Amino acid sequence: MTIQGECPKCGKRVLHVHVEQVLGMVAGESKARCLSYSCIHCRAVLGVQMEPRAKPRPRRKPEPTG
């Protein structure tokens, strides 16, 4: 038996989700690559998690001004 949930916002069955990459922010700085899962019917966010296969983001040095 397959367990199928409902979207908490629109109440429709969630058989598929929209997945997109987002950046996790801590104190205004990007810290991790994450995945966001949202309802395909109403686009309500159902969950976000750190992307387990993501490589660490390289640190960029600030460009000198002047």
PDB file of N, CA and C in Angstrom:
ATOM      1  N   MET A   1       0.846  -1.181   0.000  1.00  0.00           N
ATOM      2  CA  MET A   1       0.000   0.000   0.000  1.00  0.00           C
ATOM      3  C   MET A   1       0.892   1.246   0.000  1.00  0.00           C
ATOM      4  N   THR A   2       0.589   2.187  -0.856  1.00  0.00           N
ATOM      5  CA  THR A   2       1.349   3.425  -0.955  1.00  0.00           C
ATOM      6  C   THR A   2       0.695   4.497  -0.105  1.00  0.00           C
ATOM      7  N   ILE A   3       1.499   5.173   0.691  1.00  0.00           N
ATOM      8  CA  ILE A   3       0.978   6.277   1.506  1.00  0.00           C
ATOM      9  C   ILE A   3       1.140   7.557   0.702  1.00  0.00           C
ATOM     10  N   GLN A   4       0.043   8.259   0.494  1.00  0.00           N
ATOM     11  CA  GLN A   4       0.074   9.498  -0.274  1.00  0.00           C
ATOM     12  C   GLN A   4      -0.446  10.623   0.606  1.00  0.00           C
ATOM     13  N   GLY A   5       0.334  11.689   0.685  1.00  0.00           N
ATOM     14  CA  GLY A   5      -0.034  12.803   1.542  1.00  0.00           C
ATOM     15  C   GLY A   5      -0.826  13.858   0.803  1.00  0.00           C
ATOM     16  N   GLU A   6      -1.247  14.847   1.573  1.00  0.00           N
ATOM     17  CA  GLU A   6      -1.984  15.985   1.029  1.00  0.00           C
ATOM     18  C   GLU A   6      -1.184  17.250   1.290  1.00  0.00           C
ATOM     19  N   CYS A   7      -1.298  18.182   0.379  1.00  0.00           N
ATOM     20  CA  CYS A   7      -0.668  19.488   0.564  1.00  0.00           C
ATOM     21  C   CYS A   7      -1.385  20.199   1.709  1.00  0.00           C
ATOM     22  N   PRO A   8      -0.653  20.740   2.680  1.00  0.00           N
ATOM     23  CA  PRO A   8      -1.312  21.431   3.788  1.00  0.00           C
ATOM     24  C   PRO A   8      -2.002  22.735   3.384  1.00  0.00           C
ATOM     25  N   LYS A   9      -1.647  23.293   2.229  1.00  0.00           N
ATOM     26  CA  LYS A   9      -2.258  24.553   1.792  1.00  0.00           C
ATOM     27  C   LYS A   9      -3.491  24.330   0.924  1.00  0.00           C
ATOM     28  N   CYS A  10      -3.354  23.537  -0.162  1.00  0.00           N
ATOM     29  CA  CYS A  10      -4.477  23.386  -1.091  1.00  0.00           C
ATOM     30  C   CYS A  10      -5.273  22.103  -0.865  1.00  0.00           C
ATOM     31  N   GLY A  11      -4.729  21.147  -0.109  1.00  0.00           N
ATOM     32  CA  GLY A  11      -5.455  19.928   0.205  1.00  0.00           C
ATOM     33  C   GLY A  11      -5.443  18.866  -0.886  1.00  0.00           C
ATOM     34  N   LYS A  12      -4.760  19.125  -2.000  1.00  0.00           N
ATOM     35  CA  LYS A  12      -4.697  18.134  -3.077  1.00  0.00           C
ATOM     36  C   LYS A  12      -3.647  17.081  -2.751  1.00  0.00           C
ATOM     37  N   ARG A  13      -3.798  15.885  -3.321  1.00  0.00           N
ATOM     38  CA  ARG A  13      -2.836  14.812  -3.098  1.00  0.00           C
ATOM     39  C   ARG A  13      -1.492  15.179  -3.706  1.00  0.00           C
ATOM     40  N   VAL A  14      -0.442  14.882  -2.972  1.00  0.00           N
ATOM     41  CA  VAL A  14       0.913  15.175  -3.433  1.00  0.00           C
ATOM     42  C   VAL A  14       1.507  13.889  -4.007  1.00  0.00           C
ATOM     43  N   LEU A  15       1.421  13.757  -5.322  1.00  0.00           N
ATOM     44  CA  LEU A  15       2.004  12.607  -6.006  1.00  0.00           C
ATOM     45  C   LEU A  15       3.343  12.968  -6.619  1.00  0.00           C
ATOM     46  N   HIS A  16       3.548  14.255  -6.904  1.00  0.00           N
ATOM     47  CA  HIS A  16       4.792  14.764  -7.477  1.00  0.00           C
ATOM     48  C   HIS A  16       5.104  16.083  -6.777  1.00  0.00           C
ATOM     49  N   VAL A  17       6.365  16.441  -6.730  1.00  0.00           N
ATOM     50  CA  VAL A  17       6.764  17.730  -6.161  1.00  0.00           C
ATOM     51  C   VAL A  17       7.657  18.459  -7.153  1.00  0.00           C
ATOM     52  N   HIS A  18       7.689  19.764  -7.018  1.00  0.00           N
ATOM     53  CA  HIS A  18       8.599  20.606  -7.799  1.00  0.00           C
ATOM     54  C   HIS A  18       9.870  20.741  -6.964  1.00  0.00           C
ATOM     55  N   VAL A  19      11.032  20.384  -7.542  1.00  0.00           N
ATOM     56  CA  VAL A  19      12.309  20.436  -6.822  1.00  0.00           C
ATOM     57  C   VAL A  19      13.174  21.520  -7.446  1.00  0.00           C
ATOM     58  N   GLU A  20      13.771  22.364  -6.598  1.00  0.00           N
ATOM     59  CA  GLU A  20      14.696  23.364  -7.114  1.00  0.00           C
ATOM     60  C   GLU A  20      15.831  23.581  -6.123  1.00  0.00           C
ATOM     61  N   GLN A  21      16.969  24.018  -6.644  1.00  0.00           N
ATOM     62  CA  GLN A  21      18.112  24.313  -5.799  1.00  0.00           C
ATOM     63  C   GLN A  21      17.972  25.702  -5.213  1.00  0.00           C
ATOM     64  N   VAL A  22      18.273  25.824  -3.924  1.00  0.00           N
ATOM     65  CA  VAL A  22      18.264  27.110  -3.238  1.00  0.00           C
ATOM     66  C   VAL A  22      19.517  27.179  -2.379  1.00  0.00           C
ATOM     67  N   LEU A  23      19.840  28.371  -1.893  1.00  0.00           N
ATOM     68  CA  LEU A  23      20.997  28.548  -1.023  1.00  0.00           C
ATOM     69  C   LEU A  23      20.538  28.734   0.411  1.00  0.00           C
ATOM     70  N   GLY A  24      21.178  28.019   1.319  1.00  0.00           N
ATOM     71  CA  GLY A  24      20.900  28.193   2.747  1.00  0.00           C
ATOM     72  C   GLY A  24      21.681  29.391   3.258  1.00  0.00           C
ATOM     73  N   MET A  25      21.004  30.290   3.953  1.00  0.00           N
ATOM     74  CA  MET A  25      21.640  31.516   4.438  1.00  0.00           C
ATOM     75  C   MET A  25      21.706  31.505   5.966  1.00  0.00           C
ATOM     76  N   VAL A  26      22.848  31.933   6.497  1.00  0.00           N
ATOM     77  CA  VAL A  26      23.032  32.109   7.936  1.00  0.00           C
ATOM     78  C   VAL A  26      23.620  33.495   8.143  1.00  0.00           C
ATOM     79  N   ALA A  27      22.917  34.332   8.884  1.00  0.00           N
ATOM     80  CA  ALA A  27      23.363  35.702   9.171  1.00  0.00           C
ATOM     81  C   ALA A  27      23.697  36.462   7.890  1.00  0.00           C
ATOM     82  N   GLY A  28      22.896  36.258   6.844  1.00  0.00           N
ATOM     83  CA  GLY A  28      23.071  36.994   5.601  1.00  0.00           C
ATOM     84  C   GLY A  28      24.140  36.445   4.669  1.00  0.00           C
ATOM     85  N   GLU A  29      24.784  35.358   5.054  1.00  0.00           N
ATOM     86  CA  GLU A  29      25.817  34.764   4.205  1.00  0.00           C
ATOM     87  C   GLU A  29      25.360  33.396   3.727  1.00  0.00           C
ATOM     88  N   SER A  30      25.636  33.083   2.461  1.00  0.00           N
ATOM     89  CA  SER A  30      25.257  31.785   1.927  1.00  0.00           C
ATOM     90  C   SER A  30      26.192  30.730   2.509  1.00  0.00           C
ATOM     91  N   LYS A  31      25.600  29.694   3.080  1.00  0.00           N
ATOM     92  CA  LYS A  31      26.388  28.681   3.773  1.00  0.00           C
ATOM     93  C   LYS A  31      26.295  27.292   3.143  1.00  0.00           C
ATOM     94  N   ALA A  32      25.183  26.968   2.479  1.00  0.00           N
ATOM     95  CA  ALA A  32      25.040  25.606   1.969  1.00  0.00           C
ATOM     96  C   ALA A  32      24.099  25.566   0.785  1.00  0.00           C
ATOM     97  N   ARG A  33      24.323  24.595  -0.089  1.00  0.00           N
ATOM     98  CA  ARG A  33      23.393  24.343  -1.185  1.00  0.00           C
ATOM     99  C   ARG A  33      22.278  23.460  -0.633  1.00  0.00           C
ATOM    100  N   CYS A  34      21.055  23.798  -0.969  1.00  0.00           N
ATOM    101  CA  CYS A  34      19.906  23.075  -0.441  1.00  0.00           C
ATOM    102  C   CYS A  34      18.938  22.720  -1.567  1.00  0.00           C
ATOM    103  N   LEU A  35      17.991  21.851  -1.264  1.00  0.00           N
ATOM    104  CA  LEU A  35      16.912  21.492  -2.179  1.00  0.00           C
ATOM    105  C   LEU A  35      15.595  21.905  -1.548  1.00  0.00           C
ATOM    106  N   SER A  36      14.727  22.498  -2.341  1.00  0.00           N
ATOM    107  CA  SER A  36      13.408  22.914  -1.890  1.00  0.00           C
ATOM    108  C   SER A  36      12.363  22.072  -2.618  1.00  0.00           C
ATOM    109  N   TYR A  37      11.400  21.545  -1.861  1.00  0.00           N
ATOM    110  CA  TYR A  37      10.330  20.734  -2.424  1.00  0.00           C
ATOM    111  C   TYR A  37       9.017  21.493  -2.260  1.00  0.00           C
ATOM    112  N   SER A  38       8.290  21.696  -3.378  1.00  0.00           N
ATOM    113  CA  SER A  38       7.031  22.441  -3.297  1.00  0.00           C
ATOM    114  C   SER A  38       5.926  21.709  -4.048  1.00  0.00           C
ATOM    115  N   CYS A  39       4.690  22.012  -3.679  1.00  0.00           N
ATOM    116  CA  CYS A  39       3.495  21.421  -4.283  1.00  0.00           C
ATOM    117  C   CYS A  39       3.398  21.868  -5.740  1.00  0.00           C
ATOM    118  N   ILE A  40       3.110  20.930  -6.646  1.00  0.00           N
ATOM    119  CA  ILE A  40       3.005  21.306  -8.062  1.00  0.00           C
ATOM    120  C   ILE A  40       1.705  22.041  -8.357  1.00  0.00           C
ATOM    121  N   HIS A  41       0.741  21.970  -7.439  1.00  0.00           N
ATOM    122  CA  HIS A  41      -0.553  22.615  -7.671  1.00  0.00           C
ATOM    123  C   HIS A  41      -0.557  24.076  -7.223  1.00  0.00           C
ATOM    124  N   CYS A  42      -0.042  24.345  -6.007  1.00  0.00           N
ATOM    125  CA  CYS A  42      -0.134  25.706  -5.465  1.00  0.00           C
ATOM    126  C   CYS A  42       1.229  26.320  -5.139  1.00  0.00           C
ATOM    127  N   ARG A  43       2.308  25.576  -5.341  1.00  0.00           N
ATOM    128  CA  ARG A  43       3.683  26.025  -5.099  1.00  0.00           C
ATOM    129  C   ARG A  43       4.004  26.274  -3.621  1.00  0.00           C
ATOM    130  N   ALA A  44       3.205  25.753  -2.702  1.00  0.00           N
ATOM    131  CA  ALA A  44       3.523  25.870  -1.277  1.00  0.00           C
ATOM    132  C   ALA A  44       4.763  25.038  -0.984  1.00  0.00           C
ATOM    133  N   VAL A  45       5.673  25.567  -0.180  1.00  0.00           N
ATOM    134  CA  VAL A  45       6.895  24.852   0.162  1.00  0.00           C
ATOM    135  C   VAL A  45       6.554  23.740   1.151  1.00  0.00           C
ATOM    136  N   LEU A  46       6.910  22.522   0.789  1.00  0.00           N
ATOM    137  CA  LEU A  46       6.637  21.363   1.634  1.00  0.00           C
ATOM    138  C   LEU A  46       7.841  20.990   2.481  1.00  0.00           C
ATOM    139  N   GLY A  47       9.022  21.357   2.024  1.00  0.00           N
ATOM    140  CA  GLY A  47      10.222  21.039   2.788  1.00  0.00           C
ATOM    141  C   GLY A  47      11.472  21.543   2.106  1.00  0.00           C
ATOM    142  N   VAL A  48      12.526  21.690   2.918  1.00  0.00           N
ATOM    143  CA  VAL A  48      13.829  22.110   2.418  1.00  0.00           C
ATOM    144  C   VAL A  48      14.863  21.267   3.159  1.00  0.00           C
ATOM    145  N   GLN A  49      15.879  20.822   2.438  1.00  0.00           N
ATOM    146  CA  GLN A  49      16.956  20.075   3.082  1.00  0.00           C
ATOM    147  C   GLN A  49      18.275  20.419   2.431  1.00  0.00           C
ATOM    148  N   MET A  50      19.346  20.179   3.161  1.00  0.00           N
ATOM    149  CA  MET A  50      20.672  20.381   2.578  1.00  0.00           C
ATOM    150  C   MET A  50      20.880  19.327   1.511  1.00  0.00           C
ATOM    151  N   GLU A  51      21.458  19.729   0.385  1.00  0.00           N
ATOM    152  CA  GLU A  51      21.681  18.790  -0.704  1.00  0.00           C
ATOM    153  C   GLU A  51      22.818  17.852  -0.312  1.00  0.00           C
ATOM    154  N   PRO A  52      22.525  16.549  -0.181  1.00  0.00           N
ATOM    155  CA  PRO A  52      23.542  15.629   0.320  1.00  0.00           C
ATOM    156  C   PRO A  52      24.711  15.405  -0.631  1.00  0.00           C
ATOM    157  N   ARG A  53      24.538  15.624  -1.917  1.00  0.00           N
ATOM    158  CA  ARG A  53      25.602  15.364  -2.885  1.00  0.00           C
ATOM    159  C   ARG A  53      26.322  16.630  -3.334  1.00  0.00           C
ATOM    160  N   ALA A  54      25.984  17.760  -2.752  1.00  0.00           N
ATOM    161  CA  ALA A  54      26.589  19.030  -3.179  1.00  0.00           C
ATOM    162  C   ALA A  54      28.029  19.138  -2.701  1.00  0.00           C
ATOM    163  N   LYS A  55      28.843  19.725  -3.544  1.00  0.00           N
ATOM    164  CA  LYS A  55      30.223  20.005  -3.168  1.00  0.00           C
ATOM    165  C   LYS A  55      30.232  21.330  -2.413  1.00  0.00           C
ATOM    166  N   PRO A  56      31.180  21.514  -1.503  1.00  0.00           N
ATOM    167  CA  PRO A  56      31.253  22.799  -0.788  1.00  0.00           C
ATOM    168  C   PRO A  56      31.448  23.954  -1.765  1.00  0.00           C
ATOM    169  N   ARG A  57      30.818  25.066  -1.474  1.00  0.00           N
ATOM    170  CA  ARG A  57      30.952  26.248  -2.323  1.00  0.00           C
ATOM    171  C   ARG A  57      32.313  26.868  -2.119  1.00  0.00           C
ATOM    172  N   PRO A  58      33.006  27.224  -3.199  1.00  0.00           N
ATOM    173  CA  PRO A  58      34.314  27.867  -3.044  1.00  0.00           C
ATOM    174  C   PRO A  58      34.152  29.267  -2.465  1.00  0.00           C
ATOM    175  N   ARG A  59      35.080  29.634  -1.623  1.00  0.00           N
ATOM    176  CA  ARG A  59      35.066  30.978  -1.030  1.00  0.00           C
ATOM    177  C   ARG A  59      35.640  31.962  -2.037  1.00  0.00           C
ATOM    178  N   ARG A  60      34.912  33.042  -2.274  1.00  0.00           N
ATOM    179  CA  ARG A  60      35.426  34.085  -3.165  1.00  0.00           C
ATOM    180  C   ARG A  60      35.929  35.235  -2.316  1.00  0.00           C
ATOM    181  N   LYS A  61      37.086  35.755  -2.724  1.00  0.00           N
ATOM    182  CA  LYS A  61      37.636  36.907  -2.010  1.00  0.00           C
ATOM    183  C   LYS A  61      36.960  38.154  -2.532  1.00  0.00           C
ATOM    184  N   PRO A  62      36.687  39.124  -1.665  1.00  0.00           N
ATOM    185  CA  PRO A  62      36.076  40.373  -2.132  1.00  0.00           C
ATOM    186  C   PRO A  62      36.987  41.079  -3.130  1.00  0.00           C
ATOM    187  N   GLU A  63      36.374  41.638  -4.151  1.00  0.00           N
ATOM    188  CA  GLU A  63      37.139  42.363  -5.167  1.00  0.00           C
ATOM    189  C   GLU A  63      37.588  43.692  -4.593  1.00  0.00           C
ATOM    190  N   PRO A  64      38.852  44.052  -4.847  1.00  0.00           N
ATOM    191  CA  PRO A  64      39.340  45.353  -4.324  1.00  0.00           C
ATOM    192  C   PRO A  64      38.619  46.510  -4.999  1.00  0.00           C
ATOM    193  N   THR A  65      38.259  47.496  -4.221  1.00  0.00           N
ATOM    194  CA  THR A  65      37.607  48.695  -4.770  1.00  0.00           C
ATOM    195  C   THR A  65      38.667  49.786  -4.947  1.00  0.00           C
ATOM    196  N   GLY A  66      38.519  50.523  -5.995  1.00  0.00           N
ATOM    197  CA  GLY A  66      39.435  51.642  -6.171  1.00  0.00           C
ATOM    198  C   GLY A  66      40.206  51.671  -7.392  1.00  0.00           C
TER     199      GLY A  66
END
